[in-house]
All heavy atoms as atom14 arrays in JSON, in Angstrom:
{
  "sequence": "NCVQQTLTFSGTIPSSLGINTAEVIMGYYNRYEYFKGSISE",
  "atom14_mask": [
    [1, 1, 1, 1, 1, 1, 1, 1, 0, 0, 0, 0, 0, 0],
    [1, 1, 1, 1, 1, 1, 0, 0, 0, 0, 0, 0, 0, 0],
    [1, 1, 1, 1, 1, 1, 1, 0, 0, 0, 0, 0, 0, 0],
    [1, 1, 1, 1, 1, 1, 1, 1, 1, 0, 0, 0, 0, 0],
    [1, 1, 1, 1, 1, 1, 1, 1, 1, 0, 0, 0, 0, 0],
    [1, 1, 1, 1, 1, 1, 1, 0, 0, 0, 0, 0, 0, 0],
    [1, 1, 1, 1, 1, 1, 1, 1, 0, 0, 0, 0, 0, 0],
    [1, 1, 1, 1, 1, 1, 1, 0, 0, 0, 0, 0, 0, 0],
    [1, 1, 1, 1, 1, 1, 1, 1, 1, 1, 1, 0, 0, 0],
    [1, 1, 1, 1, 1, 1, 0, 0, 0, 0, 0, 0, 0, 0],
    [1, 1, 1, 1, 0, 0, 0, 0, 0, 0, 0, 0, 0, 0],
    [1, 1, 1, 1, 1, 1, 1, 0, 0, 0, 0, 0, 0, 0],
    [1, 1, 1, 1, 1, 1, 1, 1, 0, 0, 0, 0, 0, 0],
    [1, 1, 1, 1, 1, 1, 1, 0, 0, 0, 0, 0, 0, 0],
    [1, 1, 1, 1, 1, 1, 0, 0, 0, 0, 0, 0, 0, 0],
    [1, 1, 1, 1, 1, 1, 0, 0, 0, 0, 0, 0, 0, 0],
    [1, 1, 1, 1, 1, 1, 1, 1, 0, 0, 0, 0, 0, 0],
    [1, 1, 1, 1, 0, 0, 0, 0, 0, 0, 0, 0, 0, 0],
    [1, 1, 1, 1, 1, 1, 1, 1, 0, 0, 0, 0, 0, 0],
    [1, 1, 1, 1, 1, 1, 1, 1, 0, 0, 0, 0, 0, 0],
    [1, 1, 1, 1, 1, 1, 1, 0, 0, 0, 0, 0, 0, 0],
    [1, 1, 1, 1, 1, 0, 0, 0, 0, 0, 0, 0, 0, 0],
    [1, 1, 1, 1, 1, 1, 1, 1, 1, 0, 0, 0, 0, 0],
    [1, 1, 1, 1, 1, 1, 1, 0, 0, 0, 0, 0, 0, 0],
    [1, 1, 1, 1, 1, 1, 1, 1, 0, 0, 0, 0, 0, 0],
    [1, 1, 1, 1, 1, 1, 1, 1, 0, 0, 0, 0, 0, 0],
    [1, 1, 1, 1, 0, 0, 0, 0, 0, 0, 0, 0, 0, 0],
    [1, 1, 1, 1, 1, 1, 1, 1, 1, 1, 1, 1, 0, 0],
    [1, 1, 1, 1, 1, 1, 1, 1, 1, 1, 1, 1, 0, 0],
    [1, 1, 1, 1, 1, 1, 1, 1, 0, 0, 0, 0, 0, 0],
    [1, 1, 1, 1, 1, 1, 1, 1, 1, 1, 1, 0, 0, 0],
    [1, 1, 1, 1, 1, 1, 1, 1, 1, 1, 1, 1, 0, 0],
    [1, 1, 1, 1, 1, 1, 1, 1, 1, 0, 0, 0, 0, 0],
    [1, 1, 1, 1, 1, 1, 1, 1, 1, 1, 1, 1, 0, 0],
    [1, 1, 1, 1, 1, 1, 1, 1, 1, 1, 1, 0, 0, 0],
    [1, 1, 1, 1, 1, 1, 1, 1, 1, 0, 0, 0, 0, 0],
    [1, 1, 1, 1, 0, 0, 0, 0, 0, 0, 0, 0, 0, 0],
    [1, 1, 1, 1, 1, 1, 0, 0, 0, 0, 0, 0, 0, 0],
    [1, 1, 1, 1, 1, 1, 1, 1, 0, 0, 0, 0, 0, 0],
    [1, 1, 1, 1, 1, 1, 0, 0, 0, 0, 0, 0, 0, 0],
    [1, 1, 1, 1, 1, 1, 1, 1, 1, 0, 0, 0, 0, 0]
  ],
  "atom14_positions": [
    [[0.82, -1.22, 0.0], [0.0, 0.0, 0.0], [0.86, 1.26, 0.0], [0.64, 2.19, 0.8], [-0.98, -0.02, 1.18], [-2.12, -0.99, 0.95], [-2.41, -1.4, -0.18], [-2.78, -1.38, 2.02], [0.0, 0.0, 0.0], [0.0, 0.0, 0.0], [0.0, 0.0, 0.0], [0.0, 0.0, 0.0], [0.0, 0.0, 0.0], [0.0, 0.0, 0.0]],
    [[1.85, 1.27, -0.89], [2.73, 2.42, -1.14], [3.73, 2.7, -0.03], [4.43, 3.72, -0.07], [1.92, 3.68, -1.42], [0.83, 3.55, -2.84], [0.0, 0.0, 0.0], [0.0, 0.0, 0.0], [0.0, 0.0, 0.0], [0.0, 0.0, 0.0], [0.0, 0.0, 0.0], [0.0, 0.0, 0.0], [0.0, 0.0, 0.0], [0.0, 0.0, 0.0]],
    [[3.84, 1.81, 0.96], [4.79, 2.01, 2.06], [5.88, 0.94, 1.97], [5.58, -0.26, 1.91], [4.09, 1.91, 3.43], [5.11, 2.06, 4.56], [3.0, 2.97, 3.54], [0.0, 0.0, 0.0], [0.0, 0.0, 0.0], [0.0, 0.0, 0.0], [0.0, 0.0, 0.0], [0.0, 0.0, 0.0], [0.0, 0.0, 0.0], [0.0, 0.0, 0.0]],
    [[7.14, 1.39, 1.95], [8.25, 0.43, 1.91], [8.29, -0.36, 3.21], [8.14, 0.19, 4.31], [9.57, 1.15, 1.69], [10.76, 0.19, 1.55], [12.07, 0.92, 1.33], [12.1, 2.09, 0.93], [13.17, 0.23, 1.57], [0.0, 0.0, 0.0], [0.0, 0.0, 0.0], [0.0, 0.0, 0.0], [0.0, 0.0, 0.0], [0.0, 0.0, 0.0]],
    [[8.52, -1.68, 3.09], [8.52, -2.57, 4.24], [9.94, -2.98, 4.63], [10.83, -3.07, 3.79], [7.7, -3.82, 3.93], [6.27, -3.55, 3.55], [5.5, -2.87, 4.66], [5.4, -3.39, 5.78], [4.92, -1.71, 4.36], [0.0, 0.0, 0.0], [0.0, 0.0, 0.0], [0.0, 0.0, 0.0], [0.0, 0.0, 0.0], [0.0, 0.0, 0.0]],
    [[10.14, -3.23, 5.92], [11.4, -3.78, 6.4], [11.45, -5.27, 6.07], [10.48, -5.99, 6.33], [11.54, -3.58, 7.92], [11.52, -2.18, 8.21], [12.84, -4.18, 8.42], [0.0, 0.0, 0.0], [0.0, 0.0, 0.0], [0.0, 0.0, 0.0], [0.0, 0.0, 0.0], [0.0, 0.0, 0.0], [0.0, 0.0, 0.0], [0.0, 0.0, 0.0]],
    [[12.55, -5.72, 5.5], [12.67, -7.11, 5.08], [13.7, -7.87, 5.9], [14.71, -7.3, 6.34], [13.07, -7.19, 3.6], [12.12, -6.56, 2.58], [12.7, -6.72, 1.17], [10.74, -7.19, 2.66], [0.0, 0.0, 0.0], [0.0, 0.0, 0.0], [0.0, 0.0, 0.0], [0.0, 0.0, 0.0], [0.0, 0.0, 0.0], [0.0, 0.0, 0.0]],
    [[13.46, -9.16, 6.06], [14.46, -10.1, 6.54], [14.96, -10.86, 5.31], [14.17, -11.26, 4.46], [13.85, -11.08, 7.54], [13.39, -10.35, 8.68], [14.87, -12.12, 7.99], [0.0, 0.0, 0.0], [0.0, 0.0, 0.0], [0.0, 0.0, 0.0], [0.0, 0.0, 0.0], [0.0, 0.0, 0.0], [0.0, 0.0, 0.0], [0.0, 0.0, 0.0]],
    [[16.28, -11.05, 5.22], [16.85, -11.65, 4.01], [17.45, -13.02, 4.28], [17.94, -13.3, 5.38], [17.94, -10.73, 3.44], [17.41, -9.44, 2.89], [17.41, -8.3, 3.69], [16.91, -9.36, 1.61], [16.92, -7.09, 3.19], [16.41, -8.17, 1.1], [16.43, -7.04, 1.9], [0.0, 0.0, 0.0], [0.0, 0.0, 0.0], [0.0, 0.0, 0.0]],
    [[17.4, -13.85, 3.25], [18.12, -15.13, 3.24], [19.0, -15.15, 2.01], [18.52, -14.94, 0.89], [17.13, -16.3, 3.21], [17.83, -17.54, 3.14], [0.0, 0.0, 0.0], [0.0, 0.0, 0.0], [0.0, 0.0, 0.0], [0.0, 0.0, 0.0], [0.0, 0.0, 0.0], [0.0, 0.0, 0.0], [0.0, 0.0, 0.0], [0.0, 0.0, 0.0]],
    [[20.29, -15.36, 2.21], [21.23, -15.32, 1.1], [21.55, -13.89, 0.68], [21.13, -12.92, 1.31], [0.0, 0.0, 0.0], [0.0, 0.0, 0.0], [0.0, 0.0, 0.0], [0.0, 0.0, 0.0], [0.0, 0.0, 0.0], [0.0, 0.0, 0.0], [0.0, 0.0, 0.0], [0.0, 0.0, 0.0], [0.0, 0.0, 0.0], [0.0, 0.0, 0.0]],
    [[22.26, -13.78, -0.41], [22.66, -12.47, -0.95], [21.85, -12.17, -2.2], [21.88, -12.95, -3.17], [24.16, -12.45, -1.29], [24.92, -12.73, -0.1], [24.56, -11.11, -1.86], [0.0, 0.0, 0.0], [0.0, 0.0, 0.0], [0.0, 0.0, 0.0], [0.0, 0.0, 0.0], [0.0, 0.0, 0.0], [0.0, 0.0, 0.0], [0.0, 0.0, 0.0]],
    [[21.13, -11.07, -2.19], [20.38, -10.65, -3.38], [21.41, -10.37, -4.47], [22.34, -9.59, -4.27], [19.53, -9.41, -3.07], [18.55, -9.69, -1.92], [18.78, -8.97, -4.33], [17.59, -10.85, -2.16], [0.0, 0.0, 0.0], [0.0, 0.0, 0.0], [0.0, 0.0, 0.0], [0.0, 0.0, 0.0], [0.0, 0.0, 0.0], [0.0, 0.0, 0.0]],
    [[21.26, -10.96, -5.66], [22.28, -10.85, -6.7], [22.32, -9.47, -7.35], [21.42, -8.66, -7.2], [21.87, -11.93, -7.71], [20.38, -12.02, -7.55], [20.12, -11.81, -6.09], [0.0, 0.0, 0.0], [0.0, 0.0, 0.0], [0.0, 0.0, 0.0], [0.0, 0.0, 0.0], [0.0, 0.0, 0.0], [0.0, 0.0, 0.0], [0.0, 0.0, 0.0]],
    [[23.38, -9.26, -8.12], [23.53, -7.99, -8.83], [22.75, -7.98, -10.14], [22.55, -6.91, -10.73], [25.0, -7.69, -9.1], [25.57, -8.72, -9.9], [0.0, 0.0, 0.0], [0.0, 0.0, 0.0], [0.0, 0.0, 0.0], [0.0, 0.0, 0.0], [0.0, 0.0, 0.0], [0.0, 0.0, 0.0], [0.0, 0.0, 0.0], [0.0, 0.0, 0.0]],
    [[22.31, -9.14, -10.6], [21.47, -9.23, -11.79], [20.57, -10.44, -11.67], [20.87, -11.38, -10.91], [22.33, -9.32, -13.07], [23.1, -10.5, -13.05], [0.0, 0.0, 0.0], [0.0, 0.0, 0.0], [0.0, 0.0, 0.0], [0.0, 0.0, 0.0], [0.0, 0.0, 0.0], [0.0, 0.0, 0.0], [0.0, 0.0, 0.0], [0.0, 0.0, 0.0]],
    [[19.46, -10.43, -12.4], [18.54, -11.56, -12.38], [19.09, -12.72, -13.21], [19.85, -12.53, -14.15], [17.18, -11.14, -12.95], [16.39, -10.13, -12.12], [15.15, -9.69, -12.88], [16.01, -10.72, -10.78], [0.0, 0.0, 0.0], [0.0, 0.0, 0.0], [0.0, 0.0, 0.0], [0.0, 0.0, 0.0], [0.0, 0.0, 0.0], [0.0, 0.0, 0.0]],
    [[18.67, -13.93, -12.83], [19.04, -15.1, -13.61], [18.31, -15.12, -14.95], [17.36, -14.37, -15.18], [0.0, 0.0, 0.0], [0.0, 0.0, 0.0], [0.0, 0.0, 0.0], [0.0, 0.0, 0.0], [0.0, 0.0, 0.0], [0.0, 0.0, 0.0], [0.0, 0.0, 0.0], [0.0, 0.0, 0.0], [0.0, 0.0, 0.0], [0.0, 0.0, 0.0]],
    [[18.77, -15.98, -15.83], [18.18, -16.12, -17.16], [17.47, -17.46, -17.25], [18.05, -18.5, -16.91], [19.25, -16.02, -18.26], [19.92, -14.64, -18.23], [18.65, -16.29, -19.64], [21.09, -14.5, -19.17], [0.0, 0.0, 0.0], [0.0, 0.0, 0.0], [0.0, 0.0, 0.0], [0.0, 0.0, 0.0], [0.0, 0.0, 0.0], [0.0, 0.0, 0.0]],
    [[16.21, -17.45, -17.66], [15.51, -18.7, -17.91], [14.52, -18.51, -19.05], [14.27, -17.39, -19.5], [14.82, -19.23, -16.64], [13.69, -18.34, -16.15], [12.81, -17.92, -16.91], [13.7, -18.02, -14.85], [0.0, 0.0, 0.0], [0.0, 0.0, 0.0], [0.0, 0.0, 0.0], [0.0, 0.0, 0.0], [0.0, 0.0, 0.0], [0.0, 0.0, 0.0]],
    [[13.96, -19.6, -19.53], [13.03, -19.56, -20.67], [11.58, -19.7, -20.22], [10.69, -19.9, -21.05], [13.35, -20.68, -21.67], [13.26, -21.96, -20.99], [14.75, -20.52, -22.24], [0.0, 0.0, 0.0], [0.0, 0.0, 0.0], [0.0, 0.0, 0.0], [0.0, 0.0, 0.0], [0.0, 0.0, 0.0], [0.0, 0.0, 0.0], [0.0, 0.0, 0.0]],
    [[11.32, -19.6, -18.92], [9.98, -19.81, -18.38], [9.04, -18.66, -18.74], [9.47, -17.53, -18.96], [10.03, -19.96, -16.87], [0.0, 0.0, 0.0], [0.0, 0.0, 0.0], [0.0, 0.0, 0.0], [0.0, 0.0, 0.0], [0.0, 0.0, 0.0], [0.0, 0.0, 0.0], [0.0, 0.0, 0.0], [0.0, 0.0, 0.0], [0.0, 0.0, 0.0]],
    [[7.76, -18.98, -18.79], [6.74, -17.95, -18.93], [6.54, -17.26, -17.58], [6.72, -17.86, -16.52], [5.42, -18.55, -19.39], [5.43, -19.09, -20.78], [4.03, -19.45, -21.25], [3.6, -20.59, -21.02], [3.38, -18.59, -21.85], [0.0, 0.0, 0.0], [0.0, 0.0, 0.0], [0.0, 0.0, 0.0], [0.0, 0.0, 0.0], [0.0, 0.0, 0.0]],
    [[6.13, -16.01, -17.62], [5.67, -15.34, -16.41], [4.24, -15.81, -16.15], [3.39, -15.81, -17.04], [5.71, -13.81, -16.57], [5.09, -13.12, -15.36], [7.15, -13.35, -16.77], [0.0, 0.0, 0.0], [0.0, 0.0, 0.0], [0.0, 0.0, 0.0], [0.0, 0.0, 0.0], [0.0, 0.0, 0.0], [0.0, 0.0, 0.0], [0.0, 0.0, 0.0]],
    [[3.99, -16.25, -14.91], [2.69, -16.82, -14.55], [2.13, -16.07, -13.35], [2.86, -15.76, -12.4], [2.81, -18.31, -14.22], [3.33, -19.09, -15.44], [1.47, -18.89, -13.77], [3.56, -20.57, -15.17], [0.0, 0.0, 0.0], [0.0, 0.0, 0.0], [0.0, 0.0, 0.0], [0.0, 0.0, 0.0], [0.0, 0.0, 0.0], [0.0, 0.0, 0.0]],
    [[0.83, -15.8, -13.37], [0.13, -15.23, -12.23], [-0.82, -16.27, -11.65], [-1.45, -17.03, -12.38], [-0.64, -13.98, -12.62], [0.25, -12.82, -13.01], [-0.63, -11.23, -13.05], [-1.86, -11.56, -14.28], [0.0, 0.0, 0.0], [0.0, 0.0, 0.0], [0.0, 0.0, 0.0], [0.0, 0.0, 0.0], [0.0, 0.0, 0.0], [0.0, 0.0, 0.0]],
    [[-0.92, -16.3, -10.32], [-1.89, -17.17, -9.65], [-1.41, -18.55, -9.31], [-2.18, -19.38, -8.83], [0.0, 0.0, 0.0], [0.0, 0.0, 0.0], [0.0, 0.0, 0.0], [0.0, 0.0, 0.0], [0.0, 0.0, 0.0], [0.0, 0.0, 0.0], [0.0, 0.0, 0.0], [0.0, 0.0, 0.0], [0.0, 0.0, 0.0], [0.0, 0.0, 0.0]],
    [[-0.13, -18.84, -9.53], [0.39, -20.19, -9.29], [1.88, -20.1, -9.04], [2.59, -19.34, -9.69], [0.12, -21.09, -10.48], [0.82, -22.43, -10.44], [0.5, -23.37, -9.46], [1.8, -22.76, -11.38], [1.14, -24.6, -9.42], [2.45, -23.99, -11.35], [2.11, -24.91, -10.37], [2.75, -26.12, -10.32], [0.0, 0.0, 0.0], [0.0, 0.0, 0.0]],
    [[2.36, -20.9, -8.07], [3.8, -20.99, -7.85], [4.28, -22.39, -8.2], [3.79, -23.37, -7.67], [4.21, -20.67, -6.42], [5.71, -20.56, -6.3], [6.35, -19.4, -6.72], [6.47, -21.63, -5.87], [7.73, -19.3, -6.68], [7.86, -21.54, -5.84], [8.48, -20.38, -6.24], [9.84, -20.29, -6.24], [0.0, 0.0, 0.0], [0.0, 0.0, 0.0]],
    [[5.22, -22.44, -9.11], [5.81, -23.7, -9.56], [6.2, -24.59, -8.36], [6.9, -24.15, -7.47], [7.05, -23.37, -10.4], [7.8, -24.6, -10.86], [7.2, -25.65, -11.06], [9.1, -24.46, -11.03], [0.0, 0.0, 0.0], [0.0, 0.0, 0.0], [0.0, 0.0, 0.0], [0.0, 0.0, 0.0], [0.0, 0.0, 0.0], [0.0, 0.0, 0.0]],
    [[5.68, -25.81, -8.37], [5.95, -26.84, -7.35], [5.16, -26.67, -6.06], [5.23, -27.51, -5.17], [7.45, -26.89, -6.97], [8.37, -27.2, -8.12], [9.82, -27.25, -7.69], [10.43, -25.93, -7.57], [10.83, -25.4, -6.45], [10.68, -26.05, -5.31], [11.38, -24.21, -6.44], [0.0, 0.0, 0.0], [0.0, 0.0, 0.0], [0.0, 0.0, 0.0]],
    [[4.36, -25.59, -5.93], [3.67, -25.39, -4.67], [2.16, -25.27, -4.86], [1.5, -26.26, -5.16], [4.25, -24.16, -3.95], [5.64, -24.4, -3.41], [6.76, -23.84, -4.02], [5.84, -25.21, -2.3], [8.03, -24.08, -3.54], [7.12, -25.45, -1.8], [8.21, -24.89, -2.43], [9.46, -25.13, -1.95], [0.0, 0.0, 0.0], [0.0, 0.0, 0.0]],
    [[1.59, -24.1, -4.69], [0.14, -23.97, -4.6], [-0.41, -22.96, -5.6], [0.31, -22.12, -6.14], [-0.25, -23.52, -3.18], [0.16, -24.47, -2.07], [-0.66, -25.74, -2.07], [-1.75, -25.75, -2.66], [-0.19, -26.74, -1.5], [0.0, 0.0, 0.0], [0.0, 0.0, 0.0], [0.0, 0.0, 0.0], [0.0, 0.0, 0.0], [0.0, 0.0, 0.0]],
    [[-1.74, -23.05, -5.8], [-2.48, -22.07, -6.58], [-3.04, -20.99, -5.65], [-3.43, -21.28, -4.51], [-3.62, -22.74, -7.34], [-3.16, -23.57, -8.52], [-2.82, -24.9, -8.37], [-3.03, -23.0, -9.79], [-2.39, -25.66, -9.44], [-2.6, -23.75, -10.87], [-2.28, -25.09, -10.69], [-1.85, -25.82, -11.75], [0.0, 0.0, 0.0], [0.0, 0.0, 0.0]],
    [[-3.07, -19.78, -6.15], [-3.56, -18.62, -5.4], [-5.08, -18.55, -5.45], [-5.68, -18.73, -6.51], [-2.95, -17.35, -5.99], [-3.53, -16.07, -5.48], [-3.28, -15.65, -4.19], [-4.33, -15.27, -6.29], [-3.83, -14.46, -3.7], [-4.87, -14.09, -5.82], [-4.62, -13.68, -4.53], [0.0, 0.0, 0.0], [0.0, 0.0, 0.0], [0.0, 0.0, 0.0]],
    [[-5.72, -18.28, -4.31], [-7.17, -18.08, -4.26], [-7.46, -16.64, -3.9], [-7.11, -16.16, -2.82], [-7.83, -19.02, -3.26], [-9.37, -18.94, -3.32], [-10.03, -20.02, -2.48], [-11.55, -19.95, -2.65], [-12.24, -21.0, -1.87], [0.0, 0.0, 0.0], [0.0, 0.0, 0.0], [0.0, 0.0, 0.0], [0.0, 0.0, 0.0], [0.0, 0.0, 0.0]],
    [[-8.1, -15.94, -4.83], [-8.41, -14.53, -4.64], [-8.49, -13.84, -5.98], [-8.83, -14.48, -6.99], [0.0, 0.0, 0.0], [0.0, 0.0, 0.0], [0.0, 0.0, 0.0], [0.0, 0.0, 0.0], [0.0, 0.0, 0.0], [0.0, 0.0, 0.0], [0.0, 0.0, 0.0], [0.0, 0.0, 0.0], [0.0, 0.0, 0.0], [0.0, 0.0, 0.0]],
    [[-8.18, -12.57, -6.03], [-8.25, -11.81, -7.28], [-7.02, -10.92, -7.41], [-6.42, -10.51, -6.41], [-9.51, -10.95, -7.33], [-10.68, -11.75, -7.31], [0.0, 0.0, 0.0], [0.0, 0.0, 0.0], [0.0, 0.0, 0.0], [0.0, 0.0, 0.0], [0.0, 0.0, 0.0], [0.0, 0.0, 0.0], [0.0, 0.0, 0.0], [0.0, 0.0, 0.0]],
    [[-6.67, -10.64, -8.67], [-5.54, -9.76, -8.99], [-6.0, -8.74, -10.03], [-6.74, -9.08, -10.95], [-4.34, -10.56, -9.53], [-3.75, -11.44, -8.42], [-3.26, -9.63, -10.09], [-2.65, -12.37, -8.89], [0.0, 0.0, 0.0], [0.0, 0.0, 0.0], [0.0, 0.0, 0.0], [0.0, 0.0, 0.0], [0.0, 0.0, 0.0], [0.0, 0.0, 0.0]],
    [[-5.55, -7.5, -9.88], [-5.84, -6.48, -10.88], [-4.64, -5.56, -11.05], [-3.74, -5.52, -10.2], [-7.09, -5.66, -10.5], [-6.82, -4.79, -9.42], [0.0, 0.0, 0.0], [0.0, 0.0, 0.0], [0.0, 0.0, 0.0], [0.0, 0.0, 0.0], [0.0, 0.0, 0.0], [0.0, 0.0, 0.0], [0.0, 0.0, 0.0], [0.0, 0.0, 0.0]],
    [[-4.61, -4.86, -12.18], [-3.61, -3.83, -12.47], [-2.16, -4.29, -12.35], [-1.32, -3.55, -11.81], [-3.82, -2.62, -11.56], [-5.23, -2.08, -11.49], [-5.48, -1.39, -10.17], [-4.76, -0.42, -9.9], [-6.37, -1.82, -9.43], [0.0, 0.0, 0.0], [0.0, 0.0, 0.0], [0.0, 0.0, 0.0], [0.0, 0.0, 0.0], [0.0, 0.0, 0.0]]
  ]
}
């Protein structure tokens, strides 16, 4: 809601993103669960 949050970290956030051929997906996390609710914008 437009407010920056304090984070706890695991590992080192990299200097660049990894490269993969996957599609961007909404509503589902690979190997885990489907999201129940709604998404907009």
